[in-house]
Each structure stands twice: as structure tokens, then as C-alpha cells.
N, C-alpha and C. Protein backbone atom coordinates (compact mmCIF):
# COMPACT_ATOMS: atom_id res chain seq x y z
N UNK A 1 88.68 116.30 128.94
CA UNK A 1 88.37 115.09 128.26
C UNK A 1 88.07 114.12 128.77
N UNK A 2 87.35 113.26 129.35
CA UNK A 2 87.89 111.87 129.76
C UNK A 2 88.03 110.83 129.32
N UNK A 3 88.91 109.78 130.01
CA UNK A 3 89.07 108.59 129.05
C UNK A 3 88.01 107.94 128.48
N UNK A 4 87.20 107.81 128.94
CA UNK A 4 85.77 107.14 129.45
C UNK A 4 85.50 107.79 127.56
N UNK A 5 85.27 108.93 127.18
CA UNK A 5 84.68 109.95 126.21
C UNK A 5 85.75 109.65 125.11
N UNK A 6 87.06 109.57 124.96
CA UNK A 6 87.76 109.69 123.90
C UNK A 6 87.93 108.22 123.94
N UNK A 7 87.78 107.14 124.70
CA UNK A 7 87.01 105.37 123.52
C UNK A 7 85.91 105.52 122.90
N UNK A 8 84.91 106.46 123.34
CA UNK A 8 83.58 106.73 123.05
C UNK A 8 83.61 107.09 121.62
N UNK A 9 84.31 107.86 121.28
CA UNK A 9 84.66 108.83 119.94
C UNK A 9 85.55 107.98 119.39
N UNK A 10 86.90 107.09 120.15
CA UNK A 10 87.30 106.42 118.85
C UNK A 10 86.32 105.34 118.17
N UNK A 11 85.50 104.40 119.49
CA UNK A 11 84.59 103.32 119.14
C UNK A 11 83.99 103.84 118.01
N UNK A 12 83.34 105.20 117.87
CA UNK A 12 82.44 105.54 116.88
C UNK A 12 82.97 105.70 115.24
N UNK A 13 83.85 106.30 115.39
CA UNK A 13 85.12 106.33 114.64
C UNK A 13 85.47 105.01 113.79
N UNK A 14 85.57 104.54 114.70
CA UNK A 14 86.19 102.81 114.27
C UNK A 14 85.00 102.55 113.29
N UNK A 15 83.67 101.83 113.78
CA UNK A 15 82.57 101.81 113.10
C UNK A 15 82.08 102.57 112.20
N UNK A 16 82.89 103.99 111.64
CA UNK A 16 82.27 103.91 110.34
C UNK A 16 83.03 103.17 109.18
N UNK A 17 84.37 103.13 109.23
CA UNK A 17 85.03 103.02 108.22
C UNK A 17 86.60 102.55 108.46
N UNK A 18 87.01 101.03 108.48
CA UNK A 18 88.66 101.29 109.21
C UNK A 18 88.86 101.65 107.77
N UNK A 19 90.39 102.18 108.14
CA UNK A 19 91.50 102.72 106.75
C UNK A 19 92.70 101.85 107.26
N UNK A 20 93.07 100.45 108.15
CA UNK A 20 94.45 100.07 108.51
C UNK A 20 94.97 99.81 107.33
N UNK A 21 94.29 99.38 106.32
CA UNK A 21 95.50 98.82 105.31
C UNK A 21 96.07 100.16 104.86
N UNK A 22 95.58 101.36 104.57
CA UNK A 22 96.74 102.56 104.42
C UNK A 22 97.56 103.16 105.44
N UNK A 23 97.60 102.76 106.46
CA UNK A 23 98.29 102.45 107.23
C UNK A 23 99.83 102.28 107.17
N UNK A 24 101.33 102.76 106.87
CA UNK A 24 102.44 101.87 106.69
C UNK A 24 102.64 100.80 107.62
N UNK A 25 102.90 99.66 107.34
CA UNK A 25 103.17 98.56 108.24
C UNK A 25 103.99 98.77 109.43
N UNK A 26 105.46 99.44 109.01
CA UNK A 26 106.11 100.09 109.83
C UNK A 26 105.61 101.35 110.82
N UNK A 27 104.89 101.94 110.40
CA UNK A 27 104.11 102.97 111.16
C UNK A 27 103.28 102.65 112.31
N UNK A 28 102.86 101.06 111.92
CA UNK A 28 102.23 100.68 112.73
C UNK A 28 102.68 99.89 113.72
N UNK A 29 103.74 99.05 113.26
CA UNK A 29 104.89 97.77 114.53
C UNK A 29 105.52 99.53 115.02
N UNK A 30 105.53 100.40 114.62
CA UNK A 30 106.09 101.74 115.66
C UNK A 30 105.32 101.67 116.82
N UNK A 31 103.97 102.31 116.23
CA UNK A 31 102.98 102.79 117.42
C UNK A 31 102.66 101.74 118.48
N UNK A 32 102.85 100.40 118.04
CA UNK A 32 102.52 99.43 119.24
C UNK A 32 103.22 99.13 119.89
N UNK A 33 105.13 99.69 119.50
CA UNK A 33 105.89 99.02 120.01
C UNK A 33 105.90 100.38 121.00
N UNK A 34 105.62 101.89 120.48
CA UNK A 34 105.39 102.74 121.61
C UNK A 34 104.65 102.65 122.58
N UNK A 35 103.44 101.61 122.25
CA UNK A 35 102.17 101.53 123.41
C UNK A 35 102.21 100.55 124.54
N UNK A 36 103.80 99.46 123.81
CA UNK A 36 103.98 98.80 124.87
C UNK A 36 104.92 98.92 125.89
N UNK A 37 105.65 99.89 125.46
CA UNK A 37 106.80 100.59 126.54
C UNK A 37 105.91 101.60 127.35
N UNK A 38 105.29 102.38 126.64
CA UNK A 38 104.26 103.17 127.76
C UNK A 38 103.49 102.25 128.75
N UNK A 39 102.70 101.41 128.57
CA UNK A 39 101.96 100.85 129.47
C UNK A 39 103.11 99.80 130.28
N UNK A 40 104.43 99.92 130.22
CA UNK A 40 105.21 99.62 131.40
C UNK A 40 105.81 100.64 132.48
N UNK A 41 105.94 101.85 131.54
CA UNK A 41 106.39 102.57 132.04
C UNK A 41 105.15 103.95 132.89
N UNK A 42 104.23 104.03 131.81
CA UNK A 42 103.65 105.08 132.01
C UNK A 42 101.96 105.26 131.68
N UNK A 43 101.29 104.52 132.84
CA UNK A 43 100.08 104.23 132.37
C UNK A 43 98.82 105.22 131.42
N UNK A 44 99.41 106.00 132.07
CA UNK A 44 98.00 107.87 131.58
C UNK A 44 99.04 107.41 129.68
N UNK A 45 99.98 107.69 129.81
CA UNK A 45 100.70 107.84 128.37
C UNK A 45 100.07 106.90 127.91
N UNK A 46 100.19 105.52 127.85
CA UNK A 46 99.83 104.72 127.59
C UNK A 46 98.56 104.60 126.75
N UNK A 47 97.44 104.90 127.74
CA UNK A 47 96.09 105.43 127.50
C UNK A 47 95.76 106.41 126.14
N UNK A 48 96.94 107.72 126.20
CA UNK A 48 97.11 108.04 124.77
C UNK A 48 97.29 107.75 124.10
N UNK A 49 98.28 107.09 123.92
CA UNK A 49 98.80 106.40 123.08
C UNK A 49 98.04 105.35 122.19
N UNK A 50 97.26 104.68 123.05
CA UNK A 50 96.69 103.66 122.42
C UNK A 50 95.19 104.79 121.79
N UNK A 51 94.64 105.59 122.43
CA UNK A 51 93.68 106.38 121.45
C UNK A 51 94.05 106.72 119.99
N UNK A 52 95.69 107.57 120.28
CA UNK A 52 96.17 107.87 118.86
C UNK A 52 96.49 106.68 117.44
N UNK A 53 96.68 105.47 118.75
CA UNK A 53 97.06 104.29 117.58
C UNK A 53 95.34 103.73 116.98
N UNK A 54 94.56 104.22 117.64
CA UNK A 54 93.46 103.60 117.01
C UNK A 54 92.82 104.43 116.38
N UNK A 55 92.84 105.78 116.52
CA UNK A 55 92.32 106.69 115.40
C UNK A 55 93.28 106.58 114.43
N UNK A 56 94.32 106.30 114.44
CA UNK A 56 95.15 106.47 112.87
C UNK A 56 94.80 105.42 112.37
N UNK A 57 95.22 104.25 112.49
CA UNK A 57 94.10 103.32 111.96
C UNK A 57 92.38 102.92 111.35
N UNK A 58 91.97 103.71 112.20
CA UNK A 58 90.52 103.91 111.72
C UNK A 58 90.32 105.38 110.77
N UNK A 59 90.83 105.59 110.26
CA UNK A 59 90.76 107.55 109.97
C UNK A 59 90.35 107.52 108.72
N UNK A 60 88.93 106.95 108.64
CA UNK A 60 87.76 107.01 107.79
C UNK A 60 87.56 108.36 106.84
N UNK A 61 88.18 109.50 107.24
CA UNK A 61 88.34 110.60 107.09
C UNK A 61 89.09 110.63 105.52
N UNK A 62 89.92 109.95 105.52
CA UNK A 62 91.21 110.36 104.57
C UNK A 62 90.92 108.46 103.63
N UNK A 63 89.60 108.19 103.61
CA UNK A 63 89.81 107.08 103.02
C UNK A 63 89.08 107.26 101.45
N UNK A 64 89.52 106.51 100.14
CA UNK A 64 89.51 107.37 99.01
C UNK A 64 88.84 106.22 98.57
N UNK A 65 87.76 106.81 97.32
CA UNK A 65 87.05 105.96 96.90
C UNK A 65 87.71 104.97 95.46
N UNK A 66 87.28 104.17 95.39
CA UNK A 66 87.62 103.48 93.80
C UNK A 66 87.64 104.44 93.04
N UNK A 67 87.23 104.89 92.65
CA UNK A 67 87.45 106.36 91.48
C UNK A 67 88.97 106.85 91.55
N UNK A 68 88.70 107.60 92.87
CA UNK A 68 89.78 107.78 92.75
C UNK A 68 91.43 107.38 92.73
N UNK A 69 90.85 105.99 92.74
CA UNK A 69 92.73 105.31 92.29
C UNK A 69 92.93 104.68 90.83
N UNK A 70 91.67 104.94 90.24
CA UNK A 70 91.96 104.35 89.47
C UNK A 70 91.10 104.12 88.39
N UNK A 71 89.78 103.88 89.29
CA UNK A 71 88.70 103.27 88.85
C UNK A 71 87.46 104.40 88.27
N UNK A 72 86.13 103.36 87.89
CA UNK A 72 85.25 104.44 87.08
C UNK A 72 84.58 104.93 88.12
N UNK A 73 83.80 106.14 88.07
CA UNK A 73 82.55 106.67 88.68
C UNK A 73 81.65 105.70 89.15
N UNK A 74 81.19 105.81 89.90
CA UNK A 74 79.75 105.12 89.91
C UNK A 74 79.33 105.64 89.22
N UNK A 75 78.64 106.67 88.35
CA UNK A 75 77.85 106.90 87.91
C UNK A 75 78.54 106.62 86.06
N UNK A 76 79.92 105.92 86.17
CA UNK A 76 80.23 106.21 84.54
C UNK A 76 79.79 104.29 84.90
N UNK A 77 80.42 104.23 86.04
CA UNK A 77 80.25 102.55 86.23
C UNK A 77 78.77 102.23 85.83
N UNK A 78 77.67 102.25 86.39
CA UNK A 78 76.44 102.46 85.92
C UNK A 78 76.18 102.36 84.68
N UNK A 79 76.62 103.47 84.26
CA UNK A 79 76.37 104.05 82.72
C UNK A 79 76.70 102.92 81.55
N UNK A 80 78.17 102.74 81.69
CA UNK A 80 78.50 101.38 81.24
C UNK A 80 77.71 100.17 80.81
N UNK A 81 77.39 99.85 82.52
CA UNK A 81 76.91 98.05 82.69
C UNK A 81 75.66 98.13 81.97
N UNK A 82 75.23 99.57 81.97
CA UNK A 82 73.34 99.52 81.45
C UNK A 82 73.81 99.75 79.80
N UNK A 83 74.58 100.30 79.41
CA UNK A 83 74.80 100.22 78.05
C UNK A 83 75.10 98.65 77.25
N UNK A 84 75.96 98.47 78.02
CA UNK A 84 76.67 97.11 77.90
C UNK A 84 75.44 96.13 77.89
N UNK A 85 74.49 96.08 78.82
CA UNK A 85 73.24 95.55 79.09
C UNK A 85 71.94 95.12 77.51
N UNK A 86 72.12 96.84 76.97
CA UNK A 86 71.17 96.94 76.34
C UNK A 86 71.55 96.94 75.04
N UNK A 87 72.74 96.29 75.09
CA UNK A 87 73.41 96.69 73.19
C UNK A 87 74.45 95.30 73.02
N UNK A 88 73.56 93.88 73.92
CA UNK A 88 75.09 92.78 73.94
C UNK A 88 74.79 92.37 72.32
N UNK A 89 73.19 92.05 72.23
CA UNK A 89 73.24 91.64 70.79
C UNK A 89 74.01 92.42 69.45
N UNK A 90 74.60 93.63 69.93
CA UNK A 90 74.92 94.06 68.46
C UNK A 90 76.91 94.02 68.97
N UNK A 91 77.82 94.44 68.28
CA UNK A 91 79.13 94.45 68.21
C UNK A 91 79.67 95.89 68.82
N UNK A 92 80.20 95.57 69.96
CA UNK A 92 80.70 96.90 71.09
C UNK A 92 81.78 97.04 71.12
N UNK A 93 82.97 97.89 70.49
CA UNK A 93 83.83 98.55 70.52
C UNK A 93 84.34 99.28 72.00
N UNK A 94 85.66 99.33 72.13
CA UNK A 94 86.24 99.90 73.05
C UNK A 94 85.94 101.40 72.80
N UNK A 95 86.09 102.08 71.50
CA UNK A 95 85.78 103.28 71.16
C UNK A 95 84.77 103.92 71.92
N UNK A 96 83.29 103.24 71.42
CA UNK A 96 82.34 103.28 71.85
C UNK A 96 82.12 103.22 73.54
N UNK A 97 82.36 102.44 74.64
CA UNK A 97 82.37 102.13 75.54
C UNK A 97 83.10 103.72 76.15
N UNK A 98 84.39 104.30 75.85
CA UNK A 98 85.02 104.80 76.03
C UNK A 98 84.08 106.15 75.97
N UNK A 99 83.35 106.45 74.87
CA UNK A 99 82.69 107.54 74.65
C UNK A 99 81.73 107.49 75.34
N UNK A 100 81.14 106.46 75.93
CA UNK A 100 79.82 107.14 76.67
C UNK A 100 80.73 107.33 77.96
N UNK A 101 81.35 107.10 78.47
CA UNK A 101 82.13 108.18 79.79
C UNK A 101 82.93 108.91 79.77
N UNK A 102 83.16 109.81 78.07
CA UNK A 102 84.28 110.55 78.16
C UNK A 102 85.41 110.47 78.37
N UNK A 103 86.22 109.21 78.23
CA UNK A 103 87.49 109.08 79.01
C UNK A 103 88.16 108.31 77.51
N UNK A 104 89.49 108.10 77.12
CA UNK A 104 90.39 107.92 76.47
C UNK A 104 90.26 106.41 76.58
N UNK A 105 90.54 105.52 75.42
CA UNK A 105 89.83 104.26 75.54
C UNK A 105 91.30 103.09 76.49
N UNK A 106 92.83 103.88 76.15
CA UNK A 106 93.62 103.29 77.33
C UNK A 106 92.72 103.71 78.68
N UNK A 107 92.36 105.19 79.46
CA UNK A 107 92.45 105.05 80.52
C UNK A 107 91.24 104.29 81.02
N UNK A 108 90.07 104.25 79.73
CA UNK A 108 88.67 103.47 80.06
C UNK A 108 88.93 101.96 80.67
N UNK A 109 90.09 101.50 79.76
CA UNK A 109 90.54 99.72 79.89
C UNK A 109 90.85 99.60 81.41
N UNK A 110 91.74 100.68 81.68
CA UNK A 110 92.54 100.58 82.78
C UNK A 110 91.38 100.83 84.09
N UNK A 111 90.53 101.89 83.87
CA UNK A 111 89.63 102.64 84.84
C UNK A 111 88.32 101.03 84.99
N UNK A 112 88.12 100.62 83.91
CA UNK A 112 87.02 99.20 84.07
C UNK A 112 87.63 97.56 84.66
N UNK A 113 88.70 97.36 84.14
CA UNK A 113 89.32 96.53 84.85
C UNK A 113 89.31 96.50 86.47
N UNK A 114 89.85 98.25 86.51
CA UNK A 114 89.84 98.24 88.32
C UNK A 114 88.55 98.15 89.08
N UNK A 115 87.26 98.36 87.92
CA UNK A 115 86.11 98.86 88.89
C UNK A 115 85.54 97.32 88.75
N UNK A 116 85.50 96.82 87.79
CA UNK A 116 84.50 95.41 87.50
C UNK A 116 85.43 94.06 87.61
N UNK A 117 86.66 94.31 88.04
CA UNK A 117 87.88 93.33 88.18
C UNK A 117 87.20 92.17 87.53
N UNK A 118 88.04 92.81 85.88
CA UNK A 118 87.77 91.94 84.49
C UNK A 118 87.97 93.13 83.61
N UNK A 119 88.58 92.19 82.14
CA UNK A 119 88.73 93.27 80.95
C UNK A 119 87.08 93.57 80.52
N UNK A 120 87.13 94.41 79.61
CA UNK A 120 85.56 94.88 78.98
C UNK A 120 84.88 93.20 78.13
N UNK A 121 86.29 92.86 77.39
CA UNK A 121 86.00 92.03 76.61
C UNK A 121 85.30 90.68 77.24
N UNK A 122 86.16 90.07 78.40
CA UNK A 122 85.63 89.22 79.54
C UNK A 122 84.29 89.52 80.33
N UNK A 123 84.39 90.57 80.40
CA UNK A 123 83.24 91.04 80.99
C UNK A 123 81.35 91.17 80.09
N UNK A 124 81.90 91.54 79.33
CA UNK A 124 80.78 91.33 77.80
C UNK A 124 80.07 90.07 77.23
N UNK A 125 81.52 88.80 77.57
CA UNK A 125 81.38 87.64 77.19
C UNK A 125 80.93 87.52 78.40
N UNK A 126 80.87 87.44 79.46
CA UNK A 126 79.84 86.71 80.79
C UNK A 126 78.35 87.25 80.57
N UNK A 127 78.17 88.50 80.02
CA UNK A 127 76.63 89.07 80.45
C UNK A 127 76.45 88.27 79.12
N UNK A 128 76.88 87.92 77.71
CA UNK A 128 75.91 87.50 77.07
C UNK A 128 75.74 85.87 77.27
N UNK A 129 76.70 85.38 78.14
CA UNK A 129 76.77 83.72 78.08
C UNK A 129 75.34 83.80 79.34
N UNK A 130 75.38 84.99 80.24
CA UNK A 130 74.18 84.71 81.13
C UNK A 130 73.10 85.33 80.46
N UNK A 131 72.44 85.48 80.00
CA UNK A 131 71.71 86.47 78.99
C UNK A 131 71.50 84.52 77.98
N UNK A 132 72.71 84.44 77.40
CA UNK A 132 72.10 83.31 76.79
C UNK A 132 71.44 81.63 77.88
N UNK A 133 72.32 81.52 79.06
CA UNK A 133 71.35 80.84 80.46
C UNK A 133 70.16 81.01 80.21
N UNK A 134 69.61 82.36 80.73
CA UNK A 134 68.25 83.06 80.46
C UNK A 134 67.27 82.06 79.57
N UNK A 135 68.15 82.91 78.37
CA UNK A 135 67.08 82.59 76.98
C UNK A 135 66.67 80.95 77.10
N UNK A 136 67.76 80.13 77.42
CA UNK A 136 67.50 78.91 77.51
C UNK A 136 66.49 78.05 77.97
N UNK A 137 66.79 78.92 79.13
CA UNK A 137 65.71 78.61 80.71
C UNK A 137 64.39 78.70 79.89
N UNK A 138 64.35 80.28 79.56
CA UNK A 138 62.44 80.90 79.15
C UNK A 138 62.05 80.60 77.84
N UNK A 139 62.85 80.16 76.52
CA UNK A 139 62.38 80.46 75.36
C UNK A 139 62.45 78.72 75.33
N UNK A 140 61.80 78.59 73.82
CA UNK A 140 62.28 77.32 72.93
C UNK A 140 63.18 77.20 71.57
N UNK A 141 63.67 78.75 71.82
CA UNK A 141 64.45 78.75 70.76
C UNK A 141 65.40 77.87 70.36
N UNK A 142 66.04 77.74 69.29
CA UNK A 142 67.40 76.49 68.60
C UNK A 142 68.60 77.65 69.78
N UNK A 143 69.93 76.71 69.93
CA UNK A 143 70.89 77.43 70.74
C UNK A 143 70.97 78.53 69.93
N UNK A 144 71.07 78.10 68.11
CA UNK A 144 71.46 78.61 67.08
C UNK A 144 70.90 80.33 67.11
N UNK A 145 69.69 80.17 67.14
CA UNK A 145 69.15 81.44 67.53
C UNK A 145 69.20 82.54 68.78
N UNK A 146 69.56 81.16 70.01
CA UNK A 146 70.37 82.26 71.27
C UNK A 146 71.38 82.89 71.23
N UNK A 147 72.22 81.99 70.44
CA UNK A 147 73.62 82.43 69.88
C UNK A 147 73.65 83.93 69.49
N UNK A 148 72.93 84.48 68.51
CA UNK A 148 72.38 85.25 67.93
C UNK A 148 71.70 86.56 68.63
N UNK A 149 70.86 86.34 69.75
CA UNK A 149 69.86 86.57 70.22
C UNK A 149 71.44 87.73 71.21
N UNK A 150 72.22 86.53 71.64
CA UNK A 150 73.44 87.08 72.54
C UNK A 150 74.18 88.31 71.69
N UNK A 151 74.51 88.14 70.61
CA UNK A 151 75.34 88.78 70.22
C UNK A 151 76.88 87.97 69.84
N UNK A 152 76.45 86.48 69.48
CA UNK A 152 77.47 85.88 69.43
C UNK A 152 77.63 85.54 68.15
N UNK A 153 78.94 84.86 67.23
CA UNK A 153 78.49 84.44 65.88
C UNK A 153 78.16 83.41 65.50
N UNK A 154 78.12 82.71 66.20
CA UNK A 154 77.17 81.35 65.80
C UNK A 154 76.81 80.67 66.39
N UNK A 155 76.21 79.36 66.81
CA UNK A 155 76.20 78.47 67.61
C UNK A 155 77.43 77.66 68.31
N UNK A 156 78.08 77.36 67.11
CA UNK A 156 79.37 77.22 67.41
C UNK A 156 80.37 77.87 68.45
N UNK A 157 80.03 79.28 68.30
CA UNK A 157 80.92 80.14 68.74
C UNK A 157 80.23 80.48 70.59
N UNK A 158 79.15 79.96 70.46
CA UNK A 158 78.64 79.91 71.83
C UNK A 158 78.31 78.42 72.60
N UNK A 159 78.83 77.57 71.99
CA UNK A 159 79.30 75.92 72.37
C UNK A 159 80.52 76.71 73.11
N UNK A 160 81.34 77.28 72.24
CA UNK A 160 83.13 76.65 73.00
C UNK A 160 82.60 77.60 74.12
N UNK A 161 82.46 78.69 73.94
CA UNK A 161 82.62 79.69 75.37
C UNK A 161 81.61 79.33 76.11
N UNK A 162 80.64 78.10 76.23
CA UNK A 162 79.81 77.41 77.41
C UNK A 162 80.76 76.89 77.92
N UNK A 163 81.13 76.05 76.97
CA UNK A 163 82.34 74.75 77.56
C UNK A 163 83.55 75.32 78.31
N UNK A 164 84.02 76.56 77.97
CA UNK A 164 85.13 77.04 78.35
C UNK A 164 84.62 77.45 80.05
N UNK A 165 83.52 78.18 80.03
CA UNK A 165 83.26 78.70 81.49
C UNK A 165 82.42 77.61 82.26
N UNK A 166 81.57 77.09 81.72
CA UNK A 166 80.25 76.03 82.81
C UNK A 166 81.23 74.63 82.28
N UNK A 167 81.88 74.29 81.36
CA UNK A 167 82.64 72.83 81.91
C UNK A 167 81.18 71.69 80.92
N UNK A 168 80.49 72.02 79.95
CA UNK A 168 79.72 71.75 80.10
C UNK A 168 78.91 72.43 78.33
N UNK A 169 78.18 71.42 77.59
CA UNK A 169 77.79 71.98 76.54
C UNK A 169 76.56 72.93 76.78
N UNK A 170 75.94 73.59 75.97
CA UNK A 170 74.65 74.59 76.03
C UNK A 170 73.05 73.14 76.10
N UNK A 171 72.92 72.64 75.41
CA UNK A 171 72.23 71.52 75.75
C UNK A 171 72.03 70.90 76.47
N UNK A 172 73.39 70.39 76.98
CA UNK A 172 73.20 69.15 78.14
C UNK A 172 73.04 70.40 79.32
N UNK A 173 73.29 71.45 79.93
CA UNK A 173 72.83 72.42 80.70
C UNK A 173 71.33 72.67 81.03
N UNK A 174 71.26 72.96 79.40
CA UNK A 174 69.41 73.25 79.51
C UNK A 174 69.13 72.15 79.47
N UNK A 175 68.99 70.89 79.27
CA UNK A 175 68.35 69.61 79.71
C UNK A 175 68.53 69.56 81.67
N UNK A 176 69.42 69.56 81.83
CA UNK A 176 69.86 69.45 83.20
C UNK A 176 69.07 70.37 84.29
N UNK A 177 69.21 72.24 83.60
CA UNK A 177 68.45 72.39 84.48
C UNK A 177 66.86 72.95 84.36
N UNK A 178 66.73 72.93 83.46
CA UNK A 178 64.75 72.95 83.40
C UNK A 178 64.24 72.24 83.51
N UNK A 179 63.52 72.61 84.51
CA UNK A 179 62.56 72.14 85.68
C UNK A 179 61.45 71.69 84.52
N UNK A 180 60.57 70.73 85.50
CA UNK A 180 59.26 70.26 84.71
C UNK A 180 58.20 71.59 84.45
N UNK A 181 58.29 71.95 85.15
CA UNK A 181 57.32 73.65 85.63
C UNK A 181 57.77 74.77 84.07
N UNK A 182 59.20 74.77 83.94
CA UNK A 182 59.93 75.99 83.33
C UNK A 182 59.32 74.75 81.38
N UNK A 183 59.55 73.35 81.49
CA UNK A 183 59.22 72.73 80.58
C UNK A 183 58.13 72.86 79.82
N UNK A 184 56.98 73.04 81.13
CA UNK A 184 55.39 72.57 80.54
C UNK A 184 55.08 74.29 80.59
N UNK A 185 55.93 75.29 80.93
CA UNK A 185 55.01 76.86 80.71
C UNK A 185 55.76 77.18 79.39
N UNK A 186 56.74 76.34 78.56
CA UNK A 186 57.80 76.69 77.42
C UNK A 186 57.06 75.89 76.36
N UNK A 187 56.53 74.87 76.95
CA UNK A 187 55.59 73.94 75.94
C UNK A 187 54.51 74.64 75.55
N UNK A 188 53.67 75.21 76.02
CA UNK A 188 51.83 75.52 76.25
C UNK A 188 52.24 77.34 76.56
N UNK A 189 52.62 77.69 75.63
CA UNK A 189 52.30 79.39 75.55
C UNK A 189 50.99 80.31 75.43
């Protein structure tokens, strides 16, 4: 096998998925030092070491998915997200969510945080606020009705959360983001 073929195979291997993070730093440093020494003494050995180095840092066949590292499996993530979006107006308990994907509550919370980069509670609040924003721009409903439609306790709850996240009141945000066309469409159903 020629050196050119080895480099072509290594390049193809690298383009699939790099796994450099999975290689311990001490091992990378040792390999670089071996390569540096080999370049000085024996160029043929250096090319073999370079291929070994590139193959090692680009080893995609040892890459492990998020679910294997404690996150939810892709089907679980989709199922939980769909369930949350369909039930935003209801109280959603951790037992319900964990039951949807057949996990214990503690394992579910850990896996959820790993997969969504947020706690279940914070994620649900974010979804509710996104829904509130959408409803504020597409309906004439008062904020109290929008709050209830989003699963929040009342208008004060909506206002408090909205101010905390967007640094603005819901009504001021609604006025500022409502275009003339949207206002026209809302007033003439």
C-alpha cells in the first residue's frame, strides 16, 4: 500500500467524523513528540507515525452517541418534546414525562438535561413563553386568556416570567412586535 493511498484513506476517515476530544491529551502529546523525533531521524517512520496519529484522532468508529453518555435516545427526545408541546396548557409532572419514555424520574431528569441542555421545568417554561409570543402576535385575546392557554396560572405569572426572560412586559413586547399587517389581519377576522 502506498503512502498516497494511506493518506487518502485517512482523509476520508477524518471527513466522516472527528473524535479528537476522545483522545487523552497526554496521548496526543506523546504521539506528536514521537512524530517530531521521527521526522528528524527517519522520514519513512515519520509518515507511518503521522498516519497512525491522524487515524487515532479521527477514529469515528469509536464515537458514541449522546444517548450512550446519559442523554435521551433520539426517539425518546422526539416523544418527550411532542408530548410537552401537545400538553402545554396542562400541568405536566415529572412522573408523566418519565413514564412516557419508560425511565425512572431521577434518570429521566439527568437524561433530559443532557439532551435538551435545560431542566424539564425550564424547558416547559420556555415553550410556554414561545407559545405566548405566538398567540400575542396572531390573536386578539387578552393577556389573561393567553396566559391560561399557555398553562400559566394567570396574567401576573405570564408577566413575571416574560419580564424575567425578555426584560420587557408582554403588552409592550406585543405592541412593538406587532406589524401593521398583523394588526390589520387581527382586527378583520
